[in-house]
Amino acid sequence: MKFTVQEIAKSIGAEFFGDPEITVSSVAEPKLASELDIALAINPKFLDDLKDTSAKCALLPKGIEWTEYDLRAAIVVSRPRYAMSTISAMVDRGQNYKPGVHPSSIIDPSAEIGNNVLIGEMVVISSNVQIGDNSIIGPQCYIGSNSILGTNCYLREGVKIGSDAIIGDRFSAQPSAIIGADGFSFVTEKSSAVEELRADLSKSNVSKNENQIWHRIHSLAGITIGNDVEIGANTCIDRGTVKPTSIGDGVKADNLAQIGHNVQVGNNTLICAQVGIAGSAVIGSNVVLGGQSGISDNIFVGDNVITGGATKVLSNIPAGRVMLGYPAMKMDAQLEVYRNLRKLPKLIKEVTKIKKAVFKSTKID
């Protein structure tokens, strides 16, 4: 699909200069851009490349004089990356799934399929499922019984949704995401060593007999997911034990994240790659969990908290904190610890030198 410069500028509320009728169908870096691309010069380091680009149009930050380059048009914005969210959606060609319902798919007669829904190859849709209008269910997806998907949902290849999931509008899941696996919840007949340690973390050893069988506590509740949620590839969200796992509106989870049973996540929270959230944790709204962050079970992370990469959260965090490290500390305190650790080798050498000097001065012949 092609768009004119004027149409794109209008869609993002931006100024444009030059020929409004130039058409484009994609975006590219200036060096790689063709006549049908918008050259993305949103970073100053790409400006020099505009002198050799084949593109007729560029996306530029405010303050750049577009006439200095061999362009026929320019779209000028104050926040280029934000503009990219709309432009990239306009020109995204998607996965080229064929419209309609593929004959290899299996759809239970009790399922309710909305208007203009695409269902790809080898999809299985179970009993009493509801799928809203204009949704796309990619090849080899599975949707369990009694689950509900809102309108304009988009499931990429191999997404699996278990039973009793209630999912809002404009939900998106990347390949092989798993929604609704049973939670990791086990118990022994007698009190276990793990329980003993949880009761008293000061213990350095345990006395309990570990030769016990682990018995599963079954996950009886489902999952509720709000509107405008996106889940990355191979990310897993477990169903609840006796109350549903809950994901708020606008949550975005990257690839390979794990969200445990009974977890509650507030609105507009960002969960980066390889984050692990243990069972029954409560995560507030507008939280950012950096890559490989770990959240212990049954703790609370307040609104607007940010954790740096690989942060391990072992206790509650009040709202608004920026945390880093293992165990998680306020970022400024953790950075001070790091700086002091780097000084240790030099400090050890200086102390050793002083000790030698003192020993030499006090040595008795």
Protein backbone atom coordinates (compact mmCIF):
# COMPACT_ATOMS: atom_id res chain seq x y z
CA MET A 1 0.00 0.00 0.00
CA LYS A 2 1.24 3.46 -0.91
CA PHE A 3 0.67 6.75 0.90
CA THR A 4 1.33 10.33 -0.07
CA VAL A 5 3.56 12.55 2.02
CA GLN A 6 0.51 14.64 2.83
CA GLU A 7 -1.44 11.59 4.06
CA ILE A 8 1.39 10.46 6.33
CA ALA A 9 1.96 13.94 7.74
CA LYS A 10 -1.74 14.28 8.50
CA SER A 11 -1.85 10.88 10.22
CA ILE A 12 0.87 11.89 12.69
CA GLY A 13 -0.11 15.54 13.02
CA ALA A 14 3.18 16.75 11.57
CA GLU A 15 4.36 19.54 9.31
CA PHE A 16 5.50 18.67 5.81
CA PHE A 17 7.36 20.61 3.18
CA GLY A 18 7.78 20.19 -0.55
CA ASP A 19 5.72 18.05 -2.92
CA PRO A 20 2.65 16.66 -1.07
CA GLU A 21 1.90 14.05 -3.74
CA ILE A 22 5.09 12.01 -3.49
CA THR A 23 4.12 8.43 -2.66
CA VAL A 24 5.94 6.03 -0.37
CA SER A 25 5.32 2.45 0.71
CA SER A 26 7.94 1.80 3.38
CA VAL A 27 10.72 3.31 5.51
CA ALA A 28 14.49 2.78 5.53
CA GLU A 29 17.78 4.24 6.66
CA PRO A 30 18.98 6.94 4.21
CA LYS A 31 21.75 4.76 2.73
CA LEU A 32 19.32 1.91 2.02
CA ALA A 33 16.28 3.97 1.04
CA SER A 34 14.78 3.76 -2.42
CA GLU A 35 12.45 6.22 -4.18
CA LEU A 36 9.51 4.48 -2.49
CA ASP A 37 10.90 4.80 1.04
CA ILE A 38 10.85 7.53 3.63
CA ALA A 39 14.47 8.07 4.62
CA LEU A 40 14.67 7.96 8.42
CA ALA A 41 17.11 10.62 9.47
CA ILE A 42 15.79 10.84 13.00
CA ASN A 43 19.29 10.60 14.44
CA PRO A 44 21.85 13.32 13.60
CA LYS A 45 24.39 10.65 12.62
CA PHE A 46 22.21 9.79 9.59
CA LEU A 47 21.97 13.34 8.23
CA ASP A 48 25.13 13.11 6.13
CA ASP A 49 23.73 9.98 4.47
CA LEU A 50 20.87 12.06 3.07
CA LYS A 51 23.32 13.58 0.60
CA ASP A 52 23.58 10.21 -1.18
CA THR A 53 20.11 8.78 -0.62
CA SER A 54 17.79 7.68 -3.41
CA ALA A 55 14.75 8.65 -1.34
CA LYS A 56 12.63 11.60 -2.36
CA CYS A 57 11.27 12.19 1.15
CA ALA A 58 12.76 12.09 4.65
CA LEU A 59 11.50 12.11 8.23
CA LEU A 60 13.46 14.77 10.08
CA PRO A 61 13.57 16.20 13.60
CA LYS A 62 12.59 19.82 14.01
CA GLY A 63 15.38 22.32 13.48
CA ILE A 64 16.90 20.56 10.46
CA GLU A 65 16.87 22.52 7.20
CA TRP A 66 15.56 20.02 4.68
CA THR A 67 16.46 22.11 1.63
CA GLU A 68 20.16 21.44 2.29
CA TYR A 69 19.62 17.92 0.97
CA ASP A 70 18.55 16.56 -2.39
CA LEU A 71 14.98 15.89 -1.30
CA ARG A 72 11.64 16.72 -2.86
CA ALA A 73 9.73 16.60 0.43
CA ALA A 74 10.24 16.30 4.16
CA ILE A 75 8.10 15.50 7.18
CA VAL A 76 9.29 17.33 10.29
CA VAL A 77 8.40 16.18 13.82
CA SER A 78 9.45 17.07 17.35
CA ARG A 79 9.51 13.43 18.53
CA PRO A 80 10.59 11.22 15.63
CA ARG A 81 10.47 7.86 17.43
CA TYR A 82 6.90 8.53 18.49
CA ALA A 83 6.01 9.37 14.88
CA MET A 84 7.53 6.03 13.88
CA SER A 85 4.89 4.15 15.88
CA THR A 86 2.17 5.42 13.53
CA ILE A 87 4.18 5.37 10.31
CA SER A 88 5.46 1.82 10.86
CA ALA A 89 1.90 0.63 11.49
CA MET A 90 0.72 2.24 8.25
CA VAL A 91 3.36 0.59 6.06
CA ASP A 92 3.57 -2.77 7.85
CA ARG A 93 2.82 -5.51 5.32
CA GLY A 94 2.16 -8.06 8.05
CA GLN A 95 2.61 -11.81 7.47
CA ASN A 96 0.53 -12.00 4.28
CA TYR A 97 -1.94 -14.50 5.75
CA LYS A 98 -4.67 -15.41 3.31
CA PRO A 99 -8.12 -14.05 4.23
CA GLY A 100 -10.96 -16.27 5.32
CA VAL A 101 -10.96 -19.56 7.22
CA HIS A 102 -8.48 -22.18 6.08
CA PRO A 103 -10.11 -25.60 5.47
CA SER A 104 -7.47 -27.39 7.59
CA SER A 105 -8.60 -25.59 10.74
CA ILE A 106 -10.86 -27.25 13.30
CA ILE A 107 -13.56 -25.03 14.81
CA ASP A 108 -16.03 -26.36 17.35
CA PRO A 109 -19.65 -25.72 16.27
CA SER A 110 -20.35 -23.88 19.55
CA ALA A 111 -17.63 -21.29 18.92
CA GLU A 112 -18.78 -17.76 18.03
CA ILE A 113 -16.61 -16.19 15.35
CA GLY A 114 -17.06 -12.48 14.63
CA ASN A 115 -17.11 -10.70 11.29
CA ASN A 116 -14.06 -10.50 9.05
CA VAL A 117 -11.99 -12.92 11.17
CA LEU A 118 -8.98 -14.58 9.50
CA ILE A 119 -8.21 -18.12 10.65
CA GLY A 120 -5.05 -19.68 9.27
CA GLU A 121 -3.83 -23.21 8.63
CA MET A 122 -4.26 -25.96 11.26
CA VAL A 123 -5.86 -23.74 13.90
CA VAL A 124 -7.89 -25.42 16.65
CA ILE A 125 -10.72 -23.45 18.28
CA SER A 126 -12.46 -25.25 21.13
CA SER A 127 -16.00 -25.20 22.48
CA ASN A 128 -17.74 -21.97 23.51
CA VAL A 129 -14.87 -19.77 22.35
CA GLN A 130 -15.75 -16.22 21.33
CA ILE A 131 -13.57 -14.29 18.87
CA GLY A 132 -14.31 -10.62 18.14
CA ASP A 133 -14.58 -8.90 14.78
CA ASN A 134 -11.54 -8.25 12.57
CA SER A 135 -9.25 -10.58 14.50
CA ILE A 136 -6.41 -12.58 12.94
CA ILE A 137 -5.65 -16.09 14.18
CA GLY A 138 -2.41 -17.22 12.58
CA PRO A 139 -1.40 -20.75 11.58
CA GLN A 140 -1.24 -23.53 14.19
CA CYS A 141 -2.82 -21.49 16.98
CA TYR A 142 -4.93 -23.11 19.71
CA ILE A 143 -7.71 -21.46 21.72
CA GLY A 144 -9.11 -23.43 24.67
CA SER A 145 -12.73 -23.82 25.70
CA ASN A 146 -14.71 -20.90 27.13
CA SER A 147 -12.02 -18.36 26.22
CA ILE A 148 -12.96 -14.94 24.89
CA LEU A 149 -10.94 -12.71 22.56
CA GLY A 150 -12.04 -9.15 21.87
CA THR A 151 -12.04 -7.31 18.57
CA ASN A 152 -8.97 -6.69 16.38
CA CYS A 153 -6.86 -9.32 18.14
CA TYR A 154 -3.75 -10.63 16.38
CA LEU A 155 -2.23 -14.02 17.13
CA ARG A 156 0.97 -14.90 15.29
CA GLU A 157 1.97 -18.46 14.46
CA GLY A 158 1.69 -21.11 17.15
CA VAL A 159 0.12 -19.04 19.91
CA LYS A 160 -1.58 -21.22 22.53
CA ILE A 161 -4.39 -19.92 24.74
CA GLY A 162 -5.78 -22.25 27.39
CA SER A 163 -9.33 -22.43 28.63
CA ASP A 164 -11.13 -19.71 30.59
CA ALA A 165 -9.02 -16.81 29.34
CA ILE A 166 -10.81 -13.48 28.99
CA ILE A 167 -8.84 -11.17 26.69
CA GLY A 168 -9.74 -7.63 25.67
CA ASP A 169 -9.61 -5.76 22.38
CA ARG A 170 -6.50 -5.27 20.24
CA PHE A 171 -4.57 -8.05 21.94
CA SER A 172 -1.38 -9.10 20.15
CA ALA A 173 0.77 -12.20 20.74
CA GLN A 174 4.01 -13.06 18.97
CA PRO A 175 4.88 -16.61 17.82
CA SER A 176 4.64 -19.42 20.37
CA ALA A 177 3.38 -17.29 23.25
CA ILE A 178 1.57 -19.38 25.88
CA ILE A 179 -1.43 -17.92 27.70
CA GLY A 180 -2.95 -20.07 30.42
CA ALA A 181 -0.48 -22.81 31.36
CA ASP A 182 -0.91 -24.33 34.81
CA GLY A 183 0.99 -22.51 37.54
CA PHE A 184 4.14 -23.93 39.16
CA SER A 185 2.65 -24.72 42.56
CA PHE A 186 3.63 -27.81 44.56
CA VAL A 187 3.46 -28.93 48.19
CA THR A 188 4.79 -31.82 50.32
CA GLU A 189 2.77 -33.81 52.83
CA LYS A 190 4.92 -32.57 55.70
CA SER A 191 6.64 -29.21 56.12
CA SER A 192 9.56 -29.03 53.68
CA ALA A 193 13.02 -27.53 53.92
CA VAL A 194 11.88 -24.70 51.66
CA GLU A 195 9.12 -23.79 54.10
CA GLU A 196 11.60 -23.91 56.98
CA LEU A 197 13.95 -21.51 55.20
CA ARG A 198 11.15 -19.14 54.26
CA ALA A 199 10.16 -18.94 57.92
CA ASP A 200 13.72 -18.11 58.98
CA LEU A 201 16.09 -16.84 56.26
CA SER A 202 18.98 -16.61 58.75
CA LYS A 203 19.44 -20.38 58.75
CA SER A 204 22.52 -21.65 56.93
CA ASN A 205 21.36 -25.27 56.83
CA VAL A 206 18.14 -27.23 57.16
CA SER A 207 17.11 -30.23 59.20
CA LYS A 208 14.03 -31.36 57.28
CA ASN A 209 14.00 -34.65 55.42
CA GLU A 210 14.04 -33.75 51.72
CA ASN A 211 12.99 -37.22 50.55
CA GLN A 212 9.34 -36.23 50.02
CA ILE A 213 7.05 -36.31 47.02
CA TRP A 214 5.91 -33.01 45.56
CA HIS A 215 2.14 -32.82 44.98
CA ARG A 216 0.69 -30.38 42.46
CA ILE A 217 -1.78 -27.69 43.52
CA HIS A 218 -3.96 -27.43 40.45
CA SER A 219 -4.67 -24.12 38.73
CA LEU A 220 -8.44 -23.78 38.78
CA ALA A 221 -8.85 -20.14 37.77
CA GLY A 222 -8.17 -18.56 34.39
CA ILE A 223 -6.60 -15.34 33.13
CA THR A 224 -7.98 -11.87 32.50
CA ILE A 225 -6.13 -9.60 30.09
CA GLY A 226 -7.15 -6.00 29.37
CA ASN A 227 -7.19 -3.99 26.16
CA ASP A 228 -4.16 -3.11 24.02
CA VAL A 229 -1.89 -5.77 25.55
CA GLU A 230 1.04 -7.22 23.61
CA ILE A 231 2.87 -10.42 24.51
CA GLY A 232 6.25 -11.40 23.03
CA ALA A 233 7.43 -14.63 21.46
CA ASN A 234 7.76 -17.62 23.80
CA THR A 235 6.44 -15.63 26.74
CA CYS A 236 4.34 -17.61 29.22
CA ILE A 237 1.52 -16.39 31.45
CA ASP A 238 0.19 -18.94 33.94
CA ARG A 239 -3.46 -19.21 34.92
CA GLY A 240 -4.48 -18.54 38.51
CA THR A 241 -4.92 -21.06 41.29
CA VAL A 242 -8.25 -19.93 42.78
CA LYS A 243 -8.33 -16.39 41.41
CA PRO A 244 -7.41 -15.36 37.86
CA THR A 245 -4.00 -14.06 36.91
CA SER A 246 -4.66 -10.46 35.84
CA ILE A 247 -2.91 -8.32 33.24
CA GLY A 248 -4.06 -4.69 32.99
CA ASP A 249 -4.67 -2.47 29.96
CA GLY A 250 -1.72 -1.46 27.80
CA VAL A 251 0.78 -3.95 29.25
CA LYS A 252 3.65 -4.86 26.90
CA ALA A 253 5.72 -7.99 27.54
CA ASP A 254 8.85 -8.81 25.55
CA ASN A 255 10.07 -12.26 24.46
CA LEU A 256 10.83 -15.07 26.90
CA ALA A 257 9.15 -13.51 29.93
CA GLN A 258 7.47 -15.62 32.62
CA ILE A 259 4.46 -14.36 34.57
CA GLY A 260 3.45 -16.79 37.31
CA HIS A 261 0.10 -17.88 38.71
CA ASN A 262 -2.06 -15.32 40.56
CA VAL A 263 0.19 -12.42 39.48
CA GLN A 264 -1.56 -9.06 39.18
CA VAL A 265 -0.05 -6.52 36.74
CA GLY A 266 -1.35 -2.94 36.56
CA ASN A 267 -1.93 -0.79 33.49
CA ASN A 268 0.74 0.30 30.99
CA THR A 269 3.53 -1.71 32.55
CA LEU A 270 6.53 -2.71 30.41
CA ILE A 271 8.04 -6.18 30.95
CA CYS A 272 11.32 -6.63 29.08
CA ALA A 273 12.91 -9.84 27.81
CA GLN A 274 13.61 -12.72 30.20
CA VAL A 275 11.85 -11.13 33.14
CA GLY A 276 10.51 -13.62 35.68
CA ILE A 277 7.59 -12.70 37.95
CA ALA A 278 6.92 -15.36 40.57
CA GLY A 279 3.47 -16.40 41.74
CA SER A 280 1.13 -14.01 43.55
CA ALA A 281 3.36 -10.96 43.04
CA VAL A 282 1.55 -7.66 42.54
CA ILE A 283 3.03 -5.24 40.01
CA GLY A 284 1.69 -1.68 39.85
CA SER A 285 0.90 0.54 36.88
CA ASN A 286 3.47 2.25 34.64
CA VAL A 287 6.22 -0.02 35.96
CA VAL A 288 9.26 -0.84 33.78
CA LEU A 289 10.99 -4.15 34.53
CA GLY A 290 14.36 -4.21 32.77
CA GLY A 291 15.60 -7.33 30.98
CA GLN A 292 16.27 -10.36 33.19
CA SER A 293 14.74 -8.72 36.26
CA GLY A 294 13.37 -11.22 38.76
CA ILE A 295 10.43 -10.57 41.08
CA SER A 296 9.99 -12.87 44.08
CA ASP A 297 6.62 -14.36 44.93
CA ASN A 298 4.04 -12.66 47.13
CA ILE A 299 5.68 -9.21 47.06
CA PHE A 300 4.45 -5.82 45.89
CA VAL A 301 6.08 -3.48 43.36
CA GLY A 302 4.50 -0.02 43.44
CA ASP A 303 3.43 2.23 40.59
CA ASN A 304 6.08 3.91 38.40
CA VAL A 305 8.92 1.70 39.65
CA ILE A 306 11.82 1.09 37.24
CA THR A 307 14.25 -1.82 37.62
CA GLY A 308 17.53 -1.91 35.74
CA GLY A 309 18.61 -5.01 33.83
CA ALA A 310 19.12 -8.19 35.90
CA THR A 311 17.72 -6.61 39.08
CA LYS A 312 16.48 -9.18 41.61
CA VAL A 313 13.61 -7.94 43.74
CA LEU A 314 13.32 -9.85 47.02
CA SER A 315 11.09 -7.48 49.01
CA ASN A 316 8.39 -4.88 48.49
CA ILE A 317 9.26 -1.72 46.55
CA PRO A 318 7.38 1.54 47.24
CA ALA A 319 6.02 3.55 44.32
CA GLY A 320 8.38 5.66 42.24
CA ARG A 321 11.68 3.95 43.11
CA VAL A 322 14.46 3.23 40.59
CA MET A 323 16.12 -0.05 41.57
CA LEU A 324 19.21 -1.97 40.50
CA GLY A 325 21.25 -5.00 41.50
CA TYR A 326 21.00 -8.20 43.51
CA PRO A 327 19.44 -7.75 45.94
CA ALA A 328 17.61 -4.74 44.55
CA MET A 329 18.67 -1.41 46.03
CA LYS A 330 18.00 2.18 45.08
CA MET A 331 19.98 2.77 41.92
CA ASP A 332 22.15 5.57 43.33
CA ALA A 333 23.09 3.43 46.36
CA GLN A 334 23.82 0.40 44.17
CA LEU A 335 26.04 2.44 41.84
CA GLU A 336 27.95 3.75 44.85
CA VAL A 337 28.52 0.14 45.94
CA TYR A 338 29.81 -0.71 42.46
CA ARG A 339 32.17 2.26 42.49
CA ASN A 340 33.55 1.23 45.89
CA LEU A 341 34.00 -2.37 44.74
CA ARG A 342 36.10 -1.18 41.82
CA LYS A 343 38.34 0.67 44.26
CA LEU A 344 38.99 -2.43 46.36
CA PRO A 345 42.06 -3.77 44.46
CA LYS A 346 43.81 -0.42 44.73
CA LEU A 347 42.83 -0.13 48.40
CA ILE A 348 44.17 -3.63 49.14
CA LYS A 349 47.51 -2.74 47.53
CA GLU A 350 47.76 0.44 49.57
CA VAL A 351 46.91 -1.34 52.84
CA THR A 352 49.40 -4.09 52.06
CA LYS A 353 52.08 -1.47 51.35
CA ILE A 354 51.35 0.31 54.64
CA LYS A 355 51.42 -2.97 56.59
CA LYS A 356 54.82 -3.84 55.12
CA ALA A 357 56.17 -0.40 55.98
CA VAL A 358 54.87 -0.60 59.55
CA PHE A 359 56.21 -4.13 59.98
CA LYS A 360 59.63 -3.05 58.67
CA SER A 361 59.81 0.00 60.97
CA THR A 362 58.89 -2.06 64.05
CA LYS A 363 61.04 -5.11 63.28
CA ILE A 364 63.45 -5.99 66.06
CA ASP A 365 66.91 -7.21 65.03
